[in-house]
Amino acid sequence: MAKGSKFFMAAIFAAALGLGVLPGCGSSSSTDGVSGTFSGTGVGMGGKDKPVTVEITLDKGEITDVKATGEAETPGIGTKALENLPEEMKAKKSIAVDTISGSTITSQAILEAAEAALTSAGVNPEDYKK
């Protein structure tokens, strides 16, 4: 490639970056208009063989429902997180929720699965941590 061509390509790239035209480089949220139910998994007490699963329903980018299941989570301990965290996420329309004391592993698995579900929806999970 000629020296002038390299400069030209570098200038085009810099301009595109500055305008936020490159995929993933803009500052606008990718959550607008996304609708559907998306699922993700996280490693809880059951390990990789029996993960925690979270289903998040989005309507135009807004969280409208959250469900969590985990057949291998400890009854009365991990199940508290499975019951409470999805309700809190739904109420806050956010995955920025506190873990349940005594149920840290299951709580973290739910948060991990929620991020995976949002990623599968094609949105940035960070947009839902506010």
C-alpha atoms as a PDB file:
ATOM      1  CA  MET A   1       0.000   0.000   0.000  1.00  0.00           C
ATOM      2  CA  ALA A   2       1.361   3.410  -0.928  1.00  0.00           C
ATOM      3  CA  LYS A   3       2.225   5.948   1.723  1.00  0.00           C
ATOM      4  CA  GLY A   4      -0.607   8.278   0.634  1.00  0.00           C
ATOM      5  CA  SER A   5      -3.136   5.426   0.754  1.00  0.00           C
ATOM      6  CA  LYS A   6      -2.151   4.520   4.298  1.00  0.00           C
ATOM      7  CA  PHE A   7      -2.621   8.129   5.383  1.00  0.00           C
ATOM      8  CA  PHE A   8      -5.990   8.299   3.623  1.00  0.00           C
ATOM      9  CA  MET A   9      -7.217   5.071   5.269  1.00  0.00           C
ATOM     10  CA  ALA A  10      -6.000   6.253   8.681  1.00  0.00           C
ATOM     11  CA  ALA A  11      -7.847   9.548   8.211  1.00  0.00           C
ATOM     12  CA  ILE A  12     -11.076   7.754   7.221  1.00  0.00           C
ATOM     13  CA  PHE A  13     -10.778   5.417  10.210  1.00  0.00           C
ATOM     14  CA  ALA A  14     -10.178   8.333  12.600  1.00  0.00           C
ATOM     15  CA  ALA A  15     -13.160  10.228  11.202  1.00  0.00           C
ATOM     16  CA  ALA A  16     -15.415   7.181  11.520  1.00  0.00           C
ATOM     17  CA  LEU A  17     -14.250   6.628  15.087  1.00  0.00           C
ATOM     18  CA  GLY A  18     -14.855  10.275  15.951  1.00  0.00           C
ATOM     19  CA  LEU A  19     -18.379  10.136  14.538  1.00  0.00           C
ATOM     20  CA  GLY A  20     -19.152   6.824  16.234  1.00  0.00           C
ATOM     21  CA  VAL A  21     -19.983   5.179  12.918  1.00  0.00           C
ATOM     22  CA  LEU A  22     -18.085   1.967  13.508  1.00  0.00           C
ATOM     23  CA  PRO A  23     -20.120  -0.899  14.994  1.00  0.00           C
ATOM     24  CA  GLY A  24     -19.941  -0.893  18.765  1.00  0.00           C
ATOM     25  CA  CYS A  25     -18.197   2.477  18.895  1.00  0.00           C
ATOM     26  CA  GLY A  26     -21.178   4.798  19.182  1.00  0.00           C
ATOM     27  CA  SER A  27     -22.540   6.133  22.422  1.00  0.00           C
ATOM     28  CA  SER A  28     -26.196   5.461  21.697  1.00  0.00           C
ATOM     29  CA  SER A  29     -27.841   2.620  23.551  1.00  0.00           C
ATOM     30  CA  SER A  30     -28.586  -0.551  21.636  1.00  0.00           C
ATOM     31  CA  THR A  31     -31.535  -1.328  23.923  1.00  0.00           C
ATOM     32  CA  ASP A  32     -34.116   0.705  22.000  1.00  0.00           C
ATOM     33  CA  GLY A  33     -36.710  -1.402  20.270  1.00  0.00           C
ATOM     34  CA  VAL A  34     -35.507  -4.833  21.417  1.00  0.00           C
ATOM     35  CA  SER A  35     -38.421  -7.080  22.364  1.00  0.00           C
ATOM     36  CA  GLY A  36     -38.724 -10.758  23.194  1.00  0.00           C
ATOM     37  CA  THR A  37     -37.736 -13.319  25.803  1.00  0.00           C
ATOM     38  CA  PHE A  38     -34.060 -14.202  26.087  1.00  0.00           C
ATOM     39  CA  SER A  39     -32.289 -16.735  28.277  1.00  0.00           C
ATOM     40  CA  GLY A  40     -28.851 -17.193  29.734  1.00  0.00           C
ATOM     41  CA  THR A  41     -27.144 -19.482  32.218  1.00  0.00           C
ATOM     42  CA  GLY A  42     -24.791 -19.077  35.139  1.00  0.00           C
ATOM     43  CA  VAL A  43     -22.863 -21.539  37.286  1.00  0.00           C
ATOM     44  CA  GLY A  44     -24.458 -22.023  40.690  1.00  0.00           C
ATOM     45  CA  MET A  45     -24.380 -24.825  43.256  1.00  0.00           C
ATOM     46  CA  GLY A  46     -25.121 -27.403  40.543  1.00  0.00           C
ATOM     47  CA  GLY A  47     -22.005 -26.514  38.588  1.00  0.00           C
ATOM     48  CA  LYS A  48     -21.902 -26.464  34.797  1.00  0.00           C
ATOM     49  CA  ASP A  49     -24.007 -29.635  34.560  1.00  0.00           C
ATOM     50  CA  LYS A  50     -27.006 -28.070  36.334  1.00  0.00           C
ATOM     51  CA  PRO A  51     -26.729 -24.303  35.803  1.00  0.00           C
ATOM     52  CA  VAL A  52     -29.015 -21.525  36.930  1.00  0.00           C
ATOM     53  CA  THR A  53     -31.138 -20.272  34.038  1.00  0.00           C
ATOM     54  CA  VAL A  54     -32.561 -16.776  33.762  1.00  0.00           C
ATOM     55  CA  GLU A  55     -35.173 -15.683  31.239  1.00  0.00           C
ATOM     56  CA  ILE A  56     -35.541 -11.947  30.712  1.00  0.00           C
ATOM     57  CA  THR A  57     -38.431 -10.489  28.757  1.00  0.00           C
ATOM     58  CA  LEU A  58     -37.818  -7.145  27.087  1.00  0.00           C
ATOM     59  CA  ASP A  59     -40.435  -4.862  25.571  1.00  0.00           C
ATOM     60  CA  LYS A  60     -38.868  -2.096  23.479  1.00  0.00           C
ATOM     61  CA  GLY A  61     -35.670  -2.480  25.470  1.00  0.00           C
ATOM     62  CA  GLU A  62     -37.333  -2.364  28.895  1.00  0.00           C
ATOM     63  CA  ILE A  63     -37.263  -5.296  31.312  1.00  0.00           C
ATOM     64  CA  THR A  64     -40.845  -6.450  31.820  1.00  0.00           C
ATOM     65  CA  ASP A  65     -40.322  -9.907  33.316  1.00  0.00           C
ATOM     66  CA  VAL A  66     -37.544 -11.988  34.846  1.00  0.00           C
ATOM     67  CA  LYS A  67     -37.645 -15.669  35.793  1.00  0.00           C
ATOM     68  CA  ALA A  68     -34.872 -17.756  37.350  1.00  0.00           C
ATOM     69  CA  THR A  69     -34.635 -21.505  37.811  1.00  0.00           C
ATOM     70  CA  GLY A  70     -31.990 -23.743  39.271  1.00  0.00           C
ATOM     71  CA  GLU A  71     -32.845 -27.319  40.104  1.00  0.00           C
ATOM     72  CA  ALA A  72     -29.624 -27.923  42.051  1.00  0.00           C
ATOM     73  CA  GLU A  73     -29.783 -24.817  44.253  1.00  0.00           C
ATOM     74  CA  THR A  74     -30.073 -25.399  47.988  1.00  0.00           C
ATOM     75  CA  PRO A  75     -33.700 -25.376  49.188  1.00  0.00           C
ATOM     76  CA  GLY A  76     -34.413 -22.557  51.612  1.00  0.00           C
ATOM     77  CA  ILE A  77     -31.089 -20.851  50.866  1.00  0.00           C
ATOM     78  CA  GLY A  78     -30.389 -20.654  47.129  1.00  0.00           C
ATOM     79  CA  THR A  79     -34.096 -20.761  46.411  1.00  0.00           C
ATOM     80  CA  LYS A  80     -34.465 -17.420  48.245  1.00  0.00           C
ATOM     81  CA  ALA A  81     -32.274 -15.826  45.593  1.00  0.00           C
ATOM     82  CA  LEU A  82     -34.186 -17.609  42.817  1.00  0.00           C
ATOM     83  CA  GLU A  83     -37.425 -16.133  44.166  1.00  0.00           C
ATOM     84  CA  ASN A  84     -36.308 -12.648  45.219  1.00  0.00           C
ATOM     85  CA  LEU A  85     -33.700 -11.445  42.716  1.00  0.00           C
ATOM     86  CA  PRO A  86     -35.904 -11.805  39.603  1.00  0.00           C
ATOM     87  CA  GLU A  87     -38.701  -9.857  41.303  1.00  0.00           C
ATOM     88  CA  GLU A  88     -36.271  -7.123  42.294  1.00  0.00           C
ATOM     89  CA  MET A  89     -34.816  -6.969  38.754  1.00  0.00           C
ATOM     90  CA  LYS A  90     -38.307  -6.719  37.311  1.00  0.00           C
ATOM     91  CA  ALA A  91     -39.316  -3.939  39.744  1.00  0.00           C
ATOM     92  CA  LYS A  92     -36.116  -1.945  39.152  1.00  0.00           C
ATOM     93  CA  LYS A  93     -36.017  -2.742  35.411  1.00  0.00           C
ATOM     94  CA  SER A  94     -32.335  -3.347  36.067  1.00  0.00           C
ATOM     95  CA  ILE A  95     -29.930  -6.185  36.837  1.00  0.00           C
ATOM     96  CA  ALA A  96     -28.141  -3.968  39.371  1.00  0.00           C
ATOM     97  CA  VAL A  97     -29.421  -5.747  42.454  1.00  0.00           C
ATOM     98  CA  ASP A  98     -27.738  -6.831  45.653  1.00  0.00           C
ATOM     99  CA  THR A  99     -26.949 -10.479  46.296  1.00  0.00           C
ATOM    100  CA  ILE A 100     -28.884 -12.352  48.972  1.00  0.00           C
ATOM    101  CA  SER A 101     -26.932 -12.888  52.185  1.00  0.00           C
ATOM    102  CA  GLY A 102     -26.195 -16.589  52.692  1.00  0.00           C
ATOM    103  CA  SER A 103     -26.956 -17.269  49.041  1.00  0.00           C
ATOM    104  CA  THR A 104     -23.971 -15.636  47.393  1.00  0.00           C
ATOM    105  CA  ILE A 105     -23.156 -18.390  44.886  1.00  0.00           C
ATOM    106  CA  THR A 106     -26.736 -18.656  43.621  1.00  0.00           C
ATOM    107  CA  SER A 107     -27.082 -14.859  43.577  1.00  0.00           C
ATOM    108  CA  GLN A 108     -23.921 -14.500  41.500  1.00  0.00           C
ATOM    109  CA  ALA A 109     -25.117 -17.252  39.160  1.00  0.00           C
ATOM    110  CA  ILE A 110     -28.376 -15.356  38.637  1.00  0.00           C
ATOM    111  CA  LEU A 111     -26.499 -12.142  37.860  1.00  0.00           C
ATOM    112  CA  GLU A 112     -24.194 -14.018  35.466  1.00  0.00           C
ATOM    113  CA  ALA A 113     -27.185 -15.631  33.742  1.00  0.00           C
ATOM    114  CA  ALA A 114     -29.014 -12.295  33.507  1.00  0.00           C
ATOM    115  CA  GLU A 115     -25.996 -10.747  31.764  1.00  0.00           C
ATOM    116  CA  ALA A 116     -25.856 -13.718  29.376  1.00  0.00           C
ATOM    117  CA  ALA A 117     -29.574 -13.355  28.615  1.00  0.00           C
ATOM    118  CA  LEU A 118     -29.162  -9.669  27.794  1.00  0.00           C
ATOM    119  CA  THR A 119     -26.133 -10.434  25.652  1.00  0.00           C
ATOM    120  CA  SER A 120     -28.187 -13.019  23.735  1.00  0.00           C
ATOM    121  CA  ALA A 121     -30.745 -10.247  23.125  1.00  0.00           C
ATOM    122  CA  GLY A 122     -28.001  -8.276  21.400  1.00  0.00           C
ATOM    123  CA  VAL A 123     -27.936  -5.530  24.024  1.00  0.00           C
ATOM    124  CA  ASN A 124     -25.164  -4.367  26.327  1.00  0.00           C
ATOM    125  CA  PRO A 125     -25.731  -5.668  29.892  1.00  0.00           C
ATOM    126  CA  GLU A 126     -23.953  -2.578  31.227  1.00  0.00           C
ATOM    127  CA  ASP A 127     -26.945  -0.525  30.049  1.00  0.00           C
ATOM    128  CA  TYR A 128     -29.059  -2.464  32.560  1.00  0.00           C
ATOM    129  CA  LYS A 129     -26.821  -1.885  35.580  1.00  0.00           C
ATOM    130  CA  LYS A 130     -28.077   1.608  36.309  1.00  0.00           C
END
